[in-house]
């Protein structure tokens, strides 16, 4: 029996978290949530999700800080991260060229595109770390 992939959604916007929880759980994923970077990093360490969806502008610890911390932690580096941010990708390209950051989606995110990116990221991560 195959288990549902576990996705950690990290965003300080409760409306976005609510959308992600509802939409992704209806599409076959288990969801964990965190509302700031510190909580997100702690949950990455505790639960080792299959993928993390990460906002960049958050209180306590930015998404960039979370991505760098995970990139530098041997236990977390293989957890793929997909950035979800209102910031333009071109403006922040140099900030997210980390091995664990697989993709970057600009908010508001297209739901079909989100599912496609999640599916492709999970497949690529599995292939690279098998």
C-alpha atoms as a PDB file:
ATOM      1  CA  UNK A   1       0.000   0.000   0.000  1.00  0.00           C
ATOM      2  CA  UNK A   2       1.412   3.367  -1.049  1.00  0.00           C
ATOM      3  CA  UNK A   3       1.045   6.205   1.424  1.00  0.00           C
ATOM      4  CA  UNK A   4       0.070   9.718   0.434  1.00  0.00           C
ATOM      5  CA  UNK A   5       3.007  12.102   0.089  1.00  0.00           C
ATOM      6  CA  UNK A   6       3.399  14.465   3.036  1.00  0.00           C
ATOM      7  CA  UNK A   7       3.643  18.153   2.116  1.00  0.00           C
ATOM      8  CA  UNK A   8       4.609  20.866   4.571  1.00  0.00           C
ATOM      9  CA  UNK A   9       3.007  24.233   3.712  1.00  0.00           C
ATOM     10  CA  UNK A  10       4.793  27.196   5.315  1.00  0.00           C
ATOM     11  CA  UNK A  11       3.127  30.597   4.955  1.00  0.00           C
ATOM     12  CA  UNK A  12       2.071  33.337   7.361  1.00  0.00           C
ATOM     13  CA  UNK A  13      -1.095  34.022   5.347  1.00  0.00           C
ATOM     14  CA  UNK A  14      -3.921  31.920   6.807  1.00  0.00           C
ATOM     15  CA  UNK A  15      -6.029  32.280   3.638  1.00  0.00           C
ATOM     16  CA  UNK A  16      -3.250  30.774   1.537  1.00  0.00           C
ATOM     17  CA  UNK A  17      -2.683  27.982   4.062  1.00  0.00           C
ATOM     18  CA  UNK A  18      -6.420  27.229   4.055  1.00  0.00           C
ATOM     19  CA  UNK A  19      -6.442  27.045   0.244  1.00  0.00           C
ATOM     20  CA  UNK A  20      -3.376  24.775   0.171  1.00  0.00           C
ATOM     21  CA  UNK A  21      -4.758  22.446   2.849  1.00  0.00           C
ATOM     22  CA  UNK A  22      -8.131  22.101   1.136  1.00  0.00           C
ATOM     23  CA  UNK A  23      -6.882  21.882  -2.436  1.00  0.00           C
ATOM     24  CA  UNK A  24      -3.933  19.572  -1.859  1.00  0.00           C
ATOM     25  CA  UNK A  25      -5.724  17.211   0.533  1.00  0.00           C
ATOM     26  CA  UNK A  26      -8.513  16.814  -2.080  1.00  0.00           C
ATOM     27  CA  UNK A  27      -5.803  15.875  -4.561  1.00  0.00           C
ATOM     28  CA  UNK A  28      -4.293  13.054  -2.524  1.00  0.00           C
ATOM     29  CA  UNK A  29      -1.710  14.686  -0.281  1.00  0.00           C
ATOM     30  CA  UNK A  30      -1.254  14.699   3.489  1.00  0.00           C
ATOM     31  CA  UNK A  31      -0.665  18.236   4.711  1.00  0.00           C
ATOM     32  CA  UNK A  32       1.266  19.773   7.594  1.00  0.00           C
ATOM     33  CA  UNK A  33       1.199  23.521   8.163  1.00  0.00           C
ATOM     34  CA  UNK A  34       3.454  26.138   9.705  1.00  0.00           C
ATOM     35  CA  UNK A  35       2.825  29.874   9.976  1.00  0.00           C
ATOM     36  CA  UNK A  36       6.389  31.208  10.165  1.00  0.00           C
ATOM     37  CA  UNK A  37       9.882  30.160   9.188  1.00  0.00           C
ATOM     38  CA  UNK A  38      10.966  28.922  12.624  1.00  0.00           C
ATOM     39  CA  UNK A  39       7.931  26.654  12.926  1.00  0.00           C
ATOM     40  CA  UNK A  40       8.449  25.471   9.341  1.00  0.00           C
ATOM     41  CA  UNK A  41      12.067  24.506   9.938  1.00  0.00           C
ATOM     42  CA  UNK A  42      11.147  22.743  13.194  1.00  0.00           C
ATOM     43  CA  UNK A  43       8.464  20.718  11.399  1.00  0.00           C
ATOM     44  CA  UNK A  44      10.877  19.838   8.593  1.00  0.00           C
ATOM     45  CA  UNK A  45      13.235  18.422  11.248  1.00  0.00           C
ATOM     46  CA  UNK A  46      10.477  16.579  13.114  1.00  0.00           C
ATOM     47  CA  UNK A  47       8.430  15.137  10.235  1.00  0.00           C
ATOM     48  CA  UNK A  48      10.808  15.009   7.207  1.00  0.00           C
ATOM     49  CA  UNK A  49       8.043  15.818   4.695  1.00  0.00           C
ATOM     50  CA  UNK A  50       8.258  14.608   1.109  1.00  0.00           C
ATOM     51  CA  UNK A  51       8.116  18.241  -0.054  1.00  0.00           C
ATOM     52  CA  UNK A  52       7.942  21.729   1.466  1.00  0.00           C
ATOM     53  CA  UNK A  53       5.972  24.621  -0.049  1.00  0.00           C
ATOM     54  CA  UNK A  54       7.649  27.735   1.309  1.00  0.00           C
ATOM     55  CA  UNK A  55       6.704  31.403   1.312  1.00  0.00           C
ATOM     56  CA  UNK A  56       9.610  33.873   1.387  1.00  0.00           C
ATOM     57  CA  UNK A  57       8.338  36.842   3.411  1.00  0.00           C
ATOM     58  CA  UNK A  58       7.463  35.569   6.863  1.00  0.00           C
ATOM     59  CA  UNK A  59       8.009  36.654  10.459  1.00  0.00           C
ATOM     60  CA  UNK A  60      10.731  35.285  12.737  1.00  0.00           C
ATOM     61  CA  UNK A  61      12.651  33.542   9.941  1.00  0.00           C
ATOM     62  CA  UNK A  62      12.298  34.225   6.223  1.00  0.00           C
ATOM     63  CA  UNK A  63      11.769  31.513   3.649  1.00  0.00           C
ATOM     64  CA  UNK A  64      15.277  32.244   2.366  1.00  0.00           C
ATOM     65  CA  UNK A  65      16.643  31.533   5.841  1.00  0.00           C
ATOM     66  CA  UNK A  66      14.673  28.277   6.033  1.00  0.00           C
ATOM     67  CA  UNK A  67      15.925  27.168   2.607  1.00  0.00           C
ATOM     68  CA  UNK A  68      19.547  27.964   3.529  1.00  0.00           C
ATOM     69  CA  UNK A  69      19.235  26.183   6.883  1.00  0.00           C
ATOM     70  CA  UNK A  70      17.754  23.093   5.218  1.00  0.00           C
ATOM     71  CA  UNK A  71      20.420  23.236   2.479  1.00  0.00           C
ATOM     72  CA  UNK A  72      23.139  23.175   5.139  1.00  0.00           C
ATOM     73  CA  UNK A  73      21.598  20.400   7.236  1.00  0.00           C
ATOM     74  CA  UNK A  74      22.511  16.861   6.087  1.00  0.00           C
ATOM     75  CA  UNK A  75      19.191  15.549   7.432  1.00  0.00           C
ATOM     76  CA  UNK A  76      17.117  18.117   5.520  1.00  0.00           C
ATOM     77  CA  UNK A  77      18.984  18.793   2.280  1.00  0.00           C
ATOM     78  CA  UNK A  78      17.108  16.055   0.408  1.00  0.00           C
ATOM     79  CA  UNK A  79      13.690  17.518   1.245  1.00  0.00           C
ATOM     80  CA  UNK A  80      12.683  19.352  -1.919  1.00  0.00           C
ATOM     81  CA  UNK A  81      11.443  22.917  -1.549  1.00  0.00           C
ATOM     82  CA  UNK A  82       9.103  24.768  -3.880  1.00  0.00           C
ATOM     83  CA  UNK A  83       8.977  28.511  -3.285  1.00  0.00           C
ATOM     84  CA  UNK A  84       5.557  30.209  -3.394  1.00  0.00           C
ATOM     85  CA  UNK A  85       6.005  33.966  -3.295  1.00  0.00           C
ATOM     86  CA  UNK A  86       4.539  37.260  -4.425  1.00  0.00           C
ATOM     87  CA  UNK A  87       8.116  38.398  -5.154  1.00  0.00           C
ATOM     88  CA  UNK A  88       9.163  38.131  -8.781  1.00  0.00           C
ATOM     89  CA  UNK A  89      11.316  35.154  -9.637  1.00  0.00           C
ATOM     90  CA  UNK A  90      13.813  37.163 -11.694  1.00  0.00           C
ATOM     91  CA  UNK A  91      14.413  39.575  -8.799  1.00  0.00           C
ATOM     92  CA  UNK A  92      15.238  36.727  -6.407  1.00  0.00           C
ATOM     93  CA  UNK A  93      16.862  34.182  -8.748  1.00  0.00           C
ATOM     94  CA  UNK A  94      20.274  34.393  -7.079  1.00  0.00           C
ATOM     95  CA  UNK A  95      18.698  33.898  -3.645  1.00  0.00           C
ATOM     96  CA  UNK A  96      17.064  30.541  -4.416  1.00  0.00           C
ATOM     97  CA  UNK A  97      19.703  28.729  -6.436  1.00  0.00           C
ATOM     98  CA  UNK A  98      20.111  26.102  -3.754  1.00  0.00           C
ATOM     99  CA  UNK A  99      20.246  22.388  -4.372  1.00  0.00           C
ATOM    100  CA  UNK A 100      17.081  21.775  -2.358  1.00  0.00           C
ATOM    101  CA  UNK A 101      14.985  24.469  -4.112  1.00  0.00           C
ATOM    102  CA  UNK A 102      13.356  22.764  -7.085  1.00  0.00           C
ATOM    103  CA  UNK A 103      10.978  25.413  -8.375  1.00  0.00           C
ATOM    104  CA  UNK A 104       9.569  28.884  -7.837  1.00  0.00           C
ATOM    105  CA  UNK A 105       5.904  29.819  -8.307  1.00  0.00           C
ATOM    106  CA  UNK A 106       4.657  33.388  -8.173  1.00  0.00           C
ATOM    107  CA  UNK A 107       1.477  34.106  -6.210  1.00  0.00           C
ATOM    108  CA  UNK A 108      -1.333  33.973  -6.974  1.00  0.00           C
ATOM    109  CA  UNK A 109      -0.487  30.453  -8.018  1.00  0.00           C
ATOM    110  CA  UNK A 110      -2.397  28.608 -10.722  1.00  0.00           C
ATOM    111  CA  UNK A 111      -3.832  25.480  -9.006  1.00  0.00           C
ATOM    112  CA  UNK A 112      -3.202  23.181 -11.992  1.00  0.00           C
ATOM    113  CA  UNK A 113       0.371  24.469 -12.286  1.00  0.00           C
ATOM    114  CA  UNK A 114       0.874  23.892  -8.552  1.00  0.00           C
ATOM    115  CA  UNK A 115      -0.172  20.243  -8.852  1.00  0.00           C
ATOM    116  CA  UNK A 116       2.060  19.767 -11.883  1.00  0.00           C
ATOM    117  CA  UNK A 117       5.076  21.268 -10.105  1.00  0.00           C
ATOM    118  CA  UNK A 118       4.452  19.175  -6.976  1.00  0.00           C
ATOM    119  CA  UNK A 119       4.129  15.980  -9.016  1.00  0.00           C
ATOM    120  CA  UNK A 120       7.254  16.714 -11.075  1.00  0.00           C
ATOM    121  CA  UNK A 121       9.258  17.741  -8.014  1.00  0.00           C
ATOM    122  CA  UNK A 122       8.333  14.596  -6.093  1.00  0.00           C
ATOM    123  CA  UNK A 123       9.286  12.412  -9.097  1.00  0.00           C
ATOM    124  CA  UNK A 124      12.588  14.239  -9.646  1.00  0.00           C
ATOM    125  CA  UNK A 125      13.497  14.137  -5.957  1.00  0.00           C
ATOM    126  CA  UNK A 126      12.705  10.429  -5.769  1.00  0.00           C
ATOM    127  CA  UNK A 127      14.824   9.765  -8.860  1.00  0.00           C
ATOM    128  CA  UNK A 128      17.781  11.761  -7.529  1.00  0.00           C
ATOM    129  CA  UNK A 129      17.732  10.286  -4.038  1.00  0.00           C
ATOM    130  CA  UNK A 130      16.773   6.682  -4.741  1.00  0.00           C
END
